[in-house]
Amino acid sequence: MERIPEPELMEEKEQVISYDEADFSEGEVNLINQINHYLLRKDISLNEQDLIVDLGCGPGNISEKLAIKWPNTEVVGIDGSKEMILRAEYNKSISTNQKKLKNLSYICSDIKDIKSNNFLLKKRISLLVSNSLIHHITNLEDFFNTIKNLSSNITVNFHKDLKRPLDEKSAQGLKAQFSTKYNEILTNDYYASLRASFTFKELKNFILENDLSSLDVFEDGNKYLIVYGNV
């Protein structure tokens, strides 16, 4: 199935509300556990000197879980959509874990402009995370240039995204499964995301062809890909 890019930002209020109200907690907890397992395997511990950045943070679900998992760090969630950042800040303000989120803040910024944001210059980023962001980026060059610009020799990158199905029949099958749990708006967005996602081969080849061999890609089941390592 050929890739069909989708808009880079989710700015429609109905889209934002549908995404925010959906329960993705199982996948989010799984991602936090995967990151933690990777850090433990590398013997990396995070403390008050460390900055965690969640790129494409959306309504803040992952950002909040990162802040709670590593309470001594500083956590910054970044998204280019004003509606998403407003939602993330609102969610933080009403969270039952509000006292545990004092280390969390948000920035509204296009990812291609983040490097010029002075807020991020206070600390080097120790952990750079994204979930379902890569497929929103029209050109892979923009995504990898951004993480290169944000990363230093201490930065661990961990980026999870959908994997594009091999054919339309497979995509429709996944869409049908998704529709049993979520509403029509979210289901249509999910299908568009499947079409906009990259394949394992596309990501792997890009890394090999652009001197990014310190990064690697693995297939997480039959639906997801993870790009991880140091830039």
C-alpha atoms as a PDB file:
ATOM      1  CA  MET A   1       0.000   0.000   0.000  1.00  0.00           C
ATOM      2  CA  GLU A   2       1.417   3.385  -0.982  1.00  0.00           C
ATOM      3  CA  ARG A   3       1.911   6.017   1.675  1.00  0.00           C
ATOM      4  CA  ILE A   4      -0.609   8.875   1.710  1.00  0.00           C
ATOM      5  CA  PRO A   5       0.532  11.700   4.054  1.00  0.00           C
ATOM      6  CA  GLU A   6      -2.015  13.334   6.341  1.00  0.00           C
ATOM      7  CA  PRO A   7      -2.039  16.833   7.904  1.00  0.00           C
ATOM      8  CA  GLU A   8       0.872  17.287  10.289  1.00  0.00           C
ATOM      9  CA  LEU A   9      -1.239  18.889  13.033  1.00  0.00           C
ATOM     10  CA  MET A  10      -4.475  17.761  14.658  1.00  0.00           C
ATOM     11  CA  GLU A  11      -6.205  21.095  15.171  1.00  0.00           C
ATOM     12  CA  GLU A  12      -9.944  20.395  14.730  1.00  0.00           C
ATOM     13  CA  LYS A  13     -11.640  20.617  18.117  1.00  0.00           C
ATOM     14  CA  GLU A  14     -13.785  17.510  17.482  1.00  0.00           C
ATOM     15  CA  GLN A  15     -10.665  15.515  16.587  1.00  0.00           C
ATOM     16  CA  VAL A  16      -8.872  16.673  19.717  1.00  0.00           C
ATOM     17  CA  ILE A  17     -11.836  15.877  21.976  1.00  0.00           C
ATOM     18  CA  SER A  18     -12.341  12.439  20.395  1.00  0.00           C
ATOM     19  CA  TYR A  19      -8.672  11.604  20.782  1.00  0.00           C
ATOM     20  CA  ASP A  20      -8.554  12.878  24.347  1.00  0.00           C
ATOM     21  CA  GLU A  21     -11.668  11.029  25.478  1.00  0.00           C
ATOM     22  CA  ALA A  22     -10.564   7.680  24.022  1.00  0.00           C
ATOM     23  CA  ASP A  23      -8.967   5.137  26.325  1.00  0.00           C
ATOM     24  CA  PHE A  24      -5.466   4.338  25.047  1.00  0.00           C
ATOM     25  CA  SER A  25      -4.148   3.605  28.529  1.00  0.00           C
ATOM     26  CA  GLU A  26      -3.094   0.020  27.828  1.00  0.00           C
ATOM     27  CA  GLY A  27      -0.800   1.070  24.965  1.00  0.00           C
ATOM     28  CA  GLU A  28       0.480   4.072  26.920  1.00  0.00           C
ATOM     29  CA  VAL A  29       1.414   1.987  29.960  1.00  0.00           C
ATOM     30  CA  ASN A  30       3.066  -0.523  27.649  1.00  0.00           C
ATOM     31  CA  LEU A  31       5.180   2.253  26.095  1.00  0.00           C
ATOM     32  CA  ILE A  32       6.322   3.520  29.513  1.00  0.00           C
ATOM     33  CA  ASN A  33       7.251  -0.039  30.479  1.00  0.00           C
ATOM     34  CA  GLN A  34       9.186  -0.496  27.229  1.00  0.00           C
ATOM     35  CA  ILE A  35      11.128   2.725  27.825  1.00  0.00           C
ATOM     36  CA  ASN A  36      11.853   1.761  31.422  1.00  0.00           C
ATOM     37  CA  HIS A  37      13.036  -1.700  30.374  1.00  0.00           C
ATOM     38  CA  TYR A  38      15.367  -0.161  27.780  1.00  0.00           C
ATOM     39  CA  LEU A  39      16.854   2.288  30.322  1.00  0.00           C
ATOM     40  CA  LEU A  40      17.371  -0.496  32.860  1.00  0.00           C
ATOM     41  CA  ARG A  41      19.050  -2.654  30.233  1.00  0.00           C
ATOM     42  CA  LYS A  42      21.401   0.244  29.456  1.00  0.00           C
ATOM     43  CA  ASP A  43      21.948   0.900  33.194  1.00  0.00           C
ATOM     44  CA  ILE A  44      20.596   4.450  32.850  1.00  0.00           C
ATOM     45  CA  SER A  45      18.885   6.142  35.811  1.00  0.00           C
ATOM     46  CA  LEU A  46      17.086   9.494  35.584  1.00  0.00           C
ATOM     47  CA  ASN A  47      17.120  12.137  38.340  1.00  0.00           C
ATOM     48  CA  GLU A  48      16.743  15.868  38.990  1.00  0.00           C
ATOM     49  CA  GLN A  49      19.471  16.748  36.499  1.00  0.00           C
ATOM     50  CA  ASP A  50      17.589  15.125  33.638  1.00  0.00           C
ATOM     51  CA  LEU A  51      15.107  16.529  31.126  1.00  0.00           C
ATOM     52  CA  ILE A  52      12.548  14.321  29.399  1.00  0.00           C
ATOM     53  CA  VAL A  53      10.834  15.658  26.274  1.00  0.00           C
ATOM     54  CA  ASP A  54       7.642  14.176  24.818  1.00  0.00           C
ATOM     55  CA  LEU A  55       7.417  15.249  21.174  1.00  0.00           C
ATOM     56  CA  GLY A  56       3.937  15.471  19.688  1.00  0.00           C
ATOM     57  CA  CYS A  57       2.495  15.122  23.193  1.00  0.00           C
ATOM     58  CA  GLY A  58      -1.145  15.592  22.167  1.00  0.00           C
ATOM     59  CA  PRO A  59      -3.443  15.871  25.218  1.00  0.00           C
ATOM     60  CA  GLY A  60      -0.595  14.897  27.544  1.00  0.00           C
ATOM     61  CA  ASN A  61      -1.381  11.263  28.337  1.00  0.00           C
ATOM     62  CA  ILE A  62       2.187  10.046  27.823  1.00  0.00           C
ATOM     63  CA  SER A  63       3.697  13.212  29.307  1.00  0.00           C
ATOM     64  CA  GLU A  64       1.784  12.707  32.538  1.00  0.00           C
ATOM     65  CA  LYS A  65       2.843   9.063  32.778  1.00  0.00           C
ATOM     66  CA  LEU A  66       6.487  10.034  32.171  1.00  0.00           C
ATOM     67  CA  ALA A  67       6.278  12.685  34.901  1.00  0.00           C
ATOM     68  CA  ILE A  68       4.838  10.199  37.390  1.00  0.00           C
ATOM     69  CA  LYS A  69       7.252   7.406  36.476  1.00  0.00           C
ATOM     70  CA  TRP A  70      10.312   9.668  36.842  1.00  0.00           C
ATOM     71  CA  PRO A  71       9.197  12.225  39.477  1.00  0.00           C
ATOM     72  CA  ASN A  72      12.652  13.701  40.059  1.00  0.00           C
ATOM     73  CA  THR A  73      13.141  14.734  36.442  1.00  0.00           C
ATOM     74  CA  GLU A  74      11.795  17.694  34.489  1.00  0.00           C
ATOM     75  CA  VAL A  75       9.280  16.692  31.811  1.00  0.00           C
ATOM     76  CA  VAL A  76       8.225  18.882  28.874  1.00  0.00           C
ATOM     77  CA  GLY A  77       5.449  17.976  26.459  1.00  0.00           C
ATOM     78  CA  ILE A  78       5.544  19.678  23.054  1.00  0.00           C
ATOM     79  CA  ASP A  79       2.899  19.819  20.350  1.00  0.00           C
ATOM     80  CA  GLY A  80       2.327  22.081  17.365  1.00  0.00           C
ATOM     81  CA  SER A  81      -1.442  22.106  17.854  1.00  0.00           C
ATOM     82  CA  LYS A  82      -2.739  24.867  20.133  1.00  0.00           C
ATOM     83  CA  GLU A  83      -5.913  22.865  20.747  1.00  0.00           C
ATOM     84  CA  MET A  84      -3.868  19.863  21.906  1.00  0.00           C
ATOM     85  CA  ILE A  85      -1.744  21.946  24.267  1.00  0.00           C
ATOM     86  CA  LEU A  86      -4.838  23.623  25.721  1.00  0.00           C
ATOM     87  CA  ARG A  87      -6.311  20.177  26.295  1.00  0.00           C
ATOM     88  CA  ALA A  88      -3.081  18.893  27.871  1.00  0.00           C
ATOM     89  CA  GLU A  89      -2.926  21.841  30.264  1.00  0.00           C
ATOM     90  CA  TYR A  90      -6.604  21.385  31.146  1.00  0.00           C
ATOM     91  CA  ASN A  91      -6.076  17.665  31.791  1.00  0.00           C
ATOM     92  CA  LYS A  92      -3.154  18.453  34.069  1.00  0.00           C
ATOM     93  CA  SER A  93      -5.255  20.982  36.002  1.00  0.00           C
ATOM     94  CA  ILE A  94      -8.022  18.460  36.741  1.00  0.00           C
ATOM     95  CA  SER A  95      -5.834  15.380  37.212  1.00  0.00           C
ATOM     96  CA  THR A  96      -6.224  13.357  40.394  1.00  0.00           C
ATOM     97  CA  ASN A  97      -2.431  13.079  40.236  1.00  0.00           C
ATOM     98  CA  GLN A  98      -1.966  16.860  40.096  1.00  0.00           C
ATOM     99  CA  LYS A  99       0.495  16.899  43.017  1.00  0.00           C
ATOM    100  CA  LYS A 100       2.674  14.415  41.125  1.00  0.00           C
ATOM    101  CA  LEU A 101       2.739  16.575  37.994  1.00  0.00           C
ATOM    102  CA  LYS A 102       4.625  19.595  39.328  1.00  0.00           C
ATOM    103  CA  ASN A 103       7.603  18.522  37.211  1.00  0.00           C
ATOM    104  CA  LEU A 104       5.525  18.684  33.995  1.00  0.00           C
ATOM    105  CA  SER A 105       5.057  21.641  31.651  1.00  0.00           C
ATOM    106  CA  TYR A 106       3.938  22.145  28.059  1.00  0.00           C
ATOM    107  CA  ILE A 107       5.102  24.129  25.029  1.00  0.00           C
ATOM    108  CA  CYS A 108       3.191  24.796  21.826  1.00  0.00           C
ATOM    109  CA  SER A 109       5.730  24.699  19.005  1.00  0.00           C
ATOM    110  CA  ASP A 110       6.176  23.171  15.581  1.00  0.00           C
ATOM    111  CA  ILE A 111       8.784  20.454  16.018  1.00  0.00           C
ATOM    112  CA  LYS A 112      10.958  21.986  13.280  1.00  0.00           C
ATOM    113  CA  ASP A 113      11.268  25.169  15.390  1.00  0.00           C
ATOM    114  CA  ILE A 114      11.904  23.610  18.798  1.00  0.00           C
ATOM    115  CA  LYS A 115      15.680  23.969  18.640  1.00  0.00           C
ATOM    116  CA  SER A 116      15.347  27.754  18.844  1.00  0.00           C
ATOM    117  CA  ASN A 117      13.194  27.647  21.976  1.00  0.00           C
ATOM    118  CA  ASN A 118      15.245  28.952  24.892  1.00  0.00           C
ATOM    119  CA  PHE A 119      13.311  26.889  27.412  1.00  0.00           C
ATOM    120  CA  LEU A 120      14.986  23.744  26.202  1.00  0.00           C
ATOM    121  CA  LEU A 121      18.466  25.215  26.460  1.00  0.00           C
ATOM    122  CA  LYS A 122      18.447  25.118  30.263  1.00  0.00           C
ATOM    123  CA  LYS A 123      19.228  21.399  30.269  1.00  0.00           C
ATOM    124  CA  ARG A 124      20.368  18.818  27.803  1.00  0.00           C
ATOM    125  CA  ILE A 125      17.664  16.304  26.984  1.00  0.00           C
ATOM    126  CA  SER A 126      18.272  12.909  28.579  1.00  0.00           C
ATOM    127  CA  LEU A 127      15.227  11.126  27.133  1.00  0.00           C
ATOM    128  CA  LEU A 128      13.466  12.104  23.902  1.00  0.00           C
ATOM    129  CA  VAL A 129      10.166  10.289  23.396  1.00  0.00           C
ATOM    130  CA  SER A 130       7.344  10.320  20.866  1.00  0.00           C
ATOM    131  CA  ASN A 131       4.241   8.227  20.381  1.00  0.00           C
ATOM    132  CA  SER A 132       2.367   8.195  17.058  1.00  0.00           C
ATOM    133  CA  LEU A 133       4.246  11.245  15.812  1.00  0.00           C
ATOM    134  CA  ILE A 134       6.391  10.026  12.921  1.00  0.00           C
ATOM    135  CA  HIS A 135       3.448   9.333  10.609  1.00  0.00           C
ATOM    136  CA  HIS A 136       2.258  12.932  11.060  1.00  0.00           C
ATOM    137  CA  ILE A 137       5.513  14.252   9.570  1.00  0.00           C
ATOM    138  CA  THR A 138       5.307  14.629   5.800  1.00  0.00           C
ATOM    139  CA  ASN A 139       9.025  14.063   5.208  1.00  0.00           C
ATOM    140  CA  LEU A 140      11.194  11.741   7.280  1.00  0.00           C
ATOM    141  CA  GLU A 141      14.070  14.210   6.937  1.00  0.00           C
ATOM    142  CA  ASP A 142      12.186  16.714   9.096  1.00  0.00           C
ATOM    143  CA  PHE A 143      11.632  14.224  11.896  1.00  0.00           C
ATOM    144  CA  PHE A 144      15.195  12.927  12.002  1.00  0.00           C
ATOM    145  CA  ASN A 145      16.699  16.409  11.635  1.00  0.00           C
ATOM    146  CA  THR A 146      14.633  17.499  14.632  1.00  0.00           C
ATOM    147  CA  ILE A 147      15.750  14.672  16.892  1.00  0.00           C
ATOM    148  CA  LYS A 148      19.357  15.215  15.772  1.00  0.00           C
ATOM    149  CA  ASN A 149      19.099  18.922  16.630  1.00  0.00           C
ATOM    150  CA  LEU A 150      17.608  18.160  20.042  1.00  0.00           C
ATOM    151  CA  SER A 151      19.896  15.275  20.964  1.00  0.00           C
ATOM    152  CA  SER A 152      23.317  15.324  22.579  1.00  0.00           C
ATOM    153  CA  ASN A 153      25.661  12.455  23.403  1.00  0.00           C
ATOM    154  CA  ILE A 154      23.578  11.650  26.506  1.00  0.00           C
ATOM    155  CA  THR A 155      20.155  11.617  24.821  1.00  0.00           C
ATOM    156  CA  VAL A 156      18.248   8.363  24.609  1.00  0.00           C
ATOM    157  CA  ASN A 157      15.685   8.367  21.781  1.00  0.00           C
ATOM    158  CA  PHE A 158      12.576   6.169  21.929  1.00  0.00           C
ATOM    159  CA  HIS A 159       9.926   6.771  19.257  1.00  0.00           C
ATOM    160  CA  LYS A 160       6.931   4.482  18.733  1.00  0.00           C
ATOM    161  CA  ASP A 161       4.533   4.658  15.802  1.00  0.00           C
ATOM    162  CA  LEU A 162       2.079   2.725  13.691  1.00  0.00           C
ATOM    163  CA  LYS A 163       3.336   0.419  10.957  1.00  0.00           C
ATOM    164  CA  ARG A 164       1.748   0.830   7.517  1.00  0.00           C
ATOM    165  CA  PRO A 165      -0.186  -2.296   6.458  1.00  0.00           C
ATOM    166  CA  LEU A 166       0.980  -4.182   3.400  1.00  0.00           C
ATOM    167  CA  ASP A 167      -2.276  -3.734   1.491  1.00  0.00           C
ATOM    168  CA  GLU A 168      -5.697  -2.110   1.563  1.00  0.00           C
ATOM    169  CA  LYS A 169      -7.417  -5.277   2.762  1.00  0.00           C
ATOM    170  CA  SER A 170      -5.178  -5.383   5.848  1.00  0.00           C
ATOM    171  CA  ALA A 171      -5.785  -1.675   6.514  1.00  0.00           C
ATOM    172  CA  GLN A 172      -9.554  -2.126   6.285  1.00  0.00           C
ATOM    173  CA  GLY A 173      -9.321  -5.083   8.662  1.00  0.00           C
ATOM    174  CA  LEU A 174      -7.467  -3.001  11.249  1.00  0.00           C
ATOM    175  CA  LYS A 175      -9.960  -0.166  10.763  1.00  0.00           C
ATOM    176  CA  ALA A 176     -12.844  -2.557  11.389  1.00  0.00           C
ATOM    177  CA  GLN A 177     -11.209  -3.812  14.606  1.00  0.00           C
ATOM    178  CA  PHE A 178     -10.618  -0.247  15.767  1.00  0.00           C
ATOM    179  CA  SER A 179     -14.248   0.769  15.073  1.00  0.00           C
ATOM    180  CA  THR A 180     -15.530  -1.735  17.639  1.00  0.00           C
ATOM    181  CA  LYS A 181     -13.949   0.346  20.433  1.00  0.00           C
ATOM    182  CA  TYR A 182     -13.885   3.922  19.166  1.00  0.00           C
ATOM    183  CA  ASN A 183     -16.178   6.461  17.491  1.00  0.00           C
ATOM    184  CA  GLU A 184     -16.389   7.318  13.799  1.00  0.00           C
ATOM    185  CA  ILE A 185     -14.177  10.422  13.975  1.00  0.00           C
ATOM    186  CA  LEU A 186     -11.395   8.525  15.709  1.00  0.00           C
ATOM    187  CA  THR A 187     -11.779   5.493  13.455  1.00  0.00           C
ATOM    188  CA  ASN A 188     -11.420   7.624  10.313  1.00  0.00           C
ATOM    189  CA  ASP A 189      -8.381   9.366  11.819  1.00  0.00           C
ATOM    190  CA  TYR A 190      -6.866   5.973  12.642  1.00  0.00           C
ATOM    191  CA  TYR A 191      -7.342   4.756   9.076  1.00  0.00           C
ATOM    192  CA  ALA A 192      -5.738   7.961   7.737  1.00  0.00           C
ATOM    193  CA  SER A 193      -2.846   7.392  10.154  1.00  0.00           C
ATOM    194  CA  LEU A 194      -2.365   3.831   8.931  1.00  0.00           C
ATOM    195  CA  ARG A 195      -2.090   5.100   5.346  1.00  0.00           C
ATOM    196  CA  ALA A 196       0.335   7.839   6.421  1.00  0.00           C
ATOM    197  CA  SER A 197       2.600   5.538   8.423  1.00  0.00           C
ATOM    198  CA  PHE A 198       5.942   4.166   7.299  1.00  0.00           C
ATOM    199  CA  THR A 199       7.056   0.584   6.858  1.00  0.00           C
ATOM    200  CA  PHE A 200       9.919  -1.095   8.701  1.00  0.00           C
ATOM    201  CA  LYS A 201      11.926  -1.137   5.471  1.00  0.00           C
ATOM    202  CA  GLU A 202      11.406   2.600   4.831  1.00  0.00           C
ATOM    203  CA  LEU A 203      12.576   3.591   8.301  1.00  0.00           C
ATOM    204  CA  LYS A 204      15.472   1.136   8.317  1.00  0.00           C
ATOM    205  CA  ASN A 205      16.681   2.252   4.881  1.00  0.00           C
ATOM    206  CA  PHE A 206      16.459   5.921   5.838  1.00  0.00           C
ATOM    207  CA  ILE A 207      18.601   5.305   8.915  1.00  0.00           C
ATOM    208  CA  LEU A 208      21.186   3.348   6.947  1.00  0.00           C
ATOM    209  CA  GLU A 209      21.341   5.889   4.121  1.00  0.00           C
ATOM    210  CA  ASN A 210      21.653   8.973   6.352  1.00  0.00           C
ATOM    211  CA  ASP A 211      24.488   8.120   8.740  1.00  0.00           C
ATOM    212  CA  LEU A 212      22.145   7.305  11.629  1.00  0.00           C
ATOM    213  CA  SER A 213      23.458   3.820  12.306  1.00  0.00           C
ATOM    214  CA  SER A 214      23.480   4.421  16.075  1.00  0.00           C
ATOM    215  CA  LEU A 215      19.681   4.281  15.864  1.00  0.00           C
ATOM    216  CA  ASP A 216      17.797   1.073  15.232  1.00  0.00           C
ATOM    217  CA  VAL A 217      14.257   0.013  14.351  1.00  0.00           C
ATOM    218  CA  PHE A 218      12.290  -2.983  15.523  1.00  0.00           C
ATOM    219  CA  GLU A 219       8.801  -4.255  14.866  1.00  0.00           C
ATOM    220  CA  ASP A 220       6.638  -4.289  17.993  1.00  0.00           C
ATOM    221  CA  GLY A 221       4.071  -6.940  17.094  1.00  0.00           C
ATOM    222  CA  ASN A 222       2.269  -6.561  13.779  1.00  0.00           C
ATOM    223  CA  LYS A 223       0.997  -3.010  14.308  1.00  0.00           C
ATOM    224  CA  TYR A 224       3.889  -0.887  15.571  1.00  0.00           C
ATOM    225  CA  LEU A 225       7.468   0.171  14.932  1.00  0.00           C
ATOM    226  CA  ILE A 226       9.955   1.590  17.436  1.00  0.00           C
ATOM    227  CA  VAL A 227      12.981   3.733  16.582  1.00  0.00           C
ATOM    228  CA  TYR A 228      15.446   3.786  19.478  1.00  0.00           C
ATOM    229  CA  GLY A 229      19.031   4.521  20.459  1.00  0.00           C
ATOM    230  CA  ASN A 230      21.368   7.506  20.373  1.00  0.00           C
ATOM    231  CA  VAL A 231      21.756   9.877  17.431  1.00  0.00           C
END
